[in-house]
Amino acid sequence: MALDRGRRAVALGAFAGFALHAVAILWGYRTWGFGRGGGITWLDFPVSLLYLQMADQRQLAASLLAGGLQWALIAALLTWFLGRAVRRQL
């Protein structure tokens, strides 16, 4: 039972990381005029090095996918580590 809750928490963490990244990228892409590529590059670093040479719409799509997966992984790992730390103290 605890294992199922842990997996669900990690999955929800990954989804939240992906969704928050998508919102941040779309908001930044829409509101930042000059320099939007630089902002996206730093937000998704180091995976942004894979799509750095792309322009506008292709860079946005690559950032949403590759950067979103990066942040989903980061959020899932943080959720997993936090869950393990809390379970040990209980």
C-alpha atoms as a PDB file:
ATOM      1  CA  MET A   1       0.000   0.000   0.000  1.00  0.00           C
ATOM      2  CA  ALA A   2       2.783   2.468   0.881  1.00  0.00           C
ATOM      3  CA  LEU A   3       4.609   1.538  -2.316  1.00  0.00           C
ATOM      4  CA  ASP A   4       1.561   2.448  -4.411  1.00  0.00           C
ATOM      5  CA  ARG A   5       1.272   5.824  -2.684  1.00  0.00           C
ATOM      6  CA  GLY A   6       4.963   6.440  -3.283  1.00  0.00           C
ATOM      7  CA  ARG A   7       4.672   5.671  -6.982  1.00  0.00           C
ATOM      8  CA  ARG A   8       1.603   7.861  -7.268  1.00  0.00           C
ATOM      9  CA  ALA A   9       3.391  10.728  -5.517  1.00  0.00           C
ATOM     10  CA  VAL A  10       6.383  10.409  -7.844  1.00  0.00           C
ATOM     11  CA  ALA A  11       4.098  10.342 -10.904  1.00  0.00           C
ATOM     12  CA  LEU A  12       2.208  13.409  -9.687  1.00  0.00           C
ATOM     13  CA  GLY A  13       5.505  15.159  -8.983  1.00  0.00           C
ATOM     14  CA  ALA A  14       6.702  14.415 -12.500  1.00  0.00           C
ATOM     15  CA  PHE A  15       3.450  15.678 -13.991  1.00  0.00           C
ATOM     16  CA  ALA A  16       3.616  18.843 -11.878  1.00  0.00           C
ATOM     17  CA  GLY A  17       7.209  19.473 -12.956  1.00  0.00           C
ATOM     18  CA  PHE A  18       6.305  19.050 -16.621  1.00  0.00           C
ATOM     19  CA  ALA A  19       3.188  21.235 -16.327  1.00  0.00           C
ATOM     20  CA  LEU A  20       4.927  24.036 -14.413  1.00  0.00           C
ATOM     21  CA  HIS A  21       7.750  24.020 -16.929  1.00  0.00           C
ATOM     22  CA  ALA A  22       5.284  24.264 -19.813  1.00  0.00           C
ATOM     23  CA  VAL A  23       3.483  27.198 -18.184  1.00  0.00           C
ATOM     24  CA  ALA A  24       6.777  28.988 -17.484  1.00  0.00           C
ATOM     25  CA  ILE A  25       8.084  28.460 -21.024  1.00  0.00           C
ATOM     26  CA  LEU A  26       4.858  29.521 -22.715  1.00  0.00           C
ATOM     27  CA  TRP A  27       4.543  32.584 -20.475  1.00  0.00           C
ATOM     28  CA  GLY A  28       8.172  33.533 -21.077  1.00  0.00           C
ATOM     29  CA  TYR A  29       7.925  32.953 -24.802  1.00  0.00           C
ATOM     30  CA  ARG A  30       4.842  35.132 -25.024  1.00  0.00           C
ATOM     31  CA  THR A  31       5.999  38.013 -22.807  1.00  0.00           C
ATOM     32  CA  TRP A  32       9.751  38.185 -23.406  1.00  0.00           C
ATOM     33  CA  GLY A  33      10.471  39.877 -26.661  1.00  0.00           C
ATOM     34  CA  PHE A  34      14.173  40.256 -27.231  1.00  0.00           C
ATOM     35  CA  GLY A  35      16.257  37.599 -25.523  1.00  0.00           C
ATOM     36  CA  ARG A  36      13.614  34.901 -25.174  1.00  0.00           C
ATOM     37  CA  GLY A  37      16.044  32.315 -26.515  1.00  0.00           C
ATOM     38  CA  GLY A  38      18.504  33.148 -23.770  1.00  0.00           C
ATOM     39  CA  GLY A  39      15.864  32.782 -21.083  1.00  0.00           C
ATOM     40  CA  ILE A  40      14.747  29.434 -22.418  1.00  0.00           C
ATOM     41  CA  THR A  41      18.366  28.319 -22.669  1.00  0.00           C
ATOM     42  CA  TRP A  42      19.102  29.058 -19.027  1.00  0.00           C
ATOM     43  CA  LEU A  43      15.818  27.622 -17.769  1.00  0.00           C
ATOM     44  CA  ASP A  44      16.456  24.296 -19.495  1.00  0.00           C
ATOM     45  CA  PHE A  45      20.229  24.101 -19.090  1.00  0.00           C
ATOM     46  CA  PRO A  46      21.989  21.643 -19.764  1.00  0.00           C
ATOM     47  CA  VAL A  47      19.448  19.913 -22.030  1.00  0.00           C
ATOM     48  CA  SER A  48      19.004  23.166 -23.953  1.00  0.00           C
ATOM     49  CA  LEU A  49      22.408  22.608 -25.522  1.00  0.00           C
ATOM     50  CA  LEU A  50      20.717  19.981 -27.706  1.00  0.00           C
ATOM     51  CA  TYR A  51      18.391  22.498 -29.366  1.00  0.00           C
ATOM     52  CA  LEU A  52      20.345  25.725 -29.026  1.00  0.00           C
ATOM     53  CA  GLN A  53      20.800  26.147 -32.791  1.00  0.00           C
ATOM     54  CA  MET A  54      17.059  25.971 -33.518  1.00  0.00           C
ATOM     55  CA  ALA A  55      14.987  29.087 -34.112  1.00  0.00           C
ATOM     56  CA  ASP A  56      11.643  30.330 -32.756  1.00  0.00           C
ATOM     57  CA  GLN A  57       8.869  27.728 -33.106  1.00  0.00           C
ATOM     58  CA  ARG A  58      11.207  24.751 -33.331  1.00  0.00           C
ATOM     59  CA  GLN A  59      13.095  25.944 -30.259  1.00  0.00           C
ATOM     60  CA  LEU A  60       9.821  26.398 -28.391  1.00  0.00           C
ATOM     61  CA  ALA A  61       8.656  22.884 -29.285  1.00  0.00           C
ATOM     62  CA  ALA A  62      12.010  21.351 -28.365  1.00  0.00           C
ATOM     63  CA  SER A  63      12.049  23.249 -25.093  1.00  0.00           C
ATOM     64  CA  LEU A  64       8.549  22.128 -24.200  1.00  0.00           C
ATOM     65  CA  LEU A  65       9.436  18.503 -24.865  1.00  0.00           C
ATOM     66  CA  ALA A  66      13.078  18.094 -23.834  1.00  0.00           C
ATOM     67  CA  GLY A  67      13.056  20.702 -21.076  1.00  0.00           C
ATOM     68  CA  GLY A  68       9.721  19.423 -19.830  1.00  0.00           C
ATOM     69  CA  LEU A  69      11.104  15.902 -19.570  1.00  0.00           C
ATOM     70  CA  GLN A  70      14.160  17.231 -17.744  1.00  0.00           C
ATOM     71  CA  TRP A  71      12.040  19.078 -15.198  1.00  0.00           C
ATOM     72  CA  ALA A  72       9.663  16.140 -14.854  1.00  0.00           C
ATOM     73  CA  LEU A  73      12.646  13.948 -13.973  1.00  0.00           C
ATOM     74  CA  ILE A  74      13.970  16.514 -11.496  1.00  0.00           C
ATOM     75  CA  ALA A  75      10.556  16.858  -9.828  1.00  0.00           C
ATOM     76  CA  ALA A  76      10.096  13.075  -9.681  1.00  0.00           C
ATOM     77  CA  LEU A  77      13.514  12.595  -8.074  1.00  0.00           C
ATOM     78  CA  LEU A  78      12.897  15.350  -5.541  1.00  0.00           C
ATOM     79  CA  THR A  79       9.522  13.821  -4.692  1.00  0.00           C
ATOM     80  CA  TRP A  80      11.104  10.408  -4.275  1.00  0.00           C
ATOM     81  CA  PHE A  81      13.923  11.717  -2.051  1.00  0.00           C
ATOM     82  CA  LEU A  82      11.514  13.732   0.077  1.00  0.00           C
ATOM     83  CA  GLY A  83       9.192  10.746   0.447  1.00  0.00           C
ATOM     84  CA  ARG A  84      12.054   8.532   1.587  1.00  0.00           C
ATOM     85  CA  ALA A  85      13.242  11.134   4.079  1.00  0.00           C
ATOM     86  CA  VAL A  86       9.789  11.575   5.588  1.00  0.00           C
ATOM     87  CA  ARG A  87       9.138   7.823   5.819  1.00  0.00           C
ATOM     88  CA  ARG A  88      12.397   7.274   7.707  1.00  0.00           C
ATOM     89  CA  GLN A  89      11.428   9.816  10.362  1.00  0.00           C
ATOM     90  CA  LEU A  90       7.981   8.315  10.937  1.00  0.00           C
END
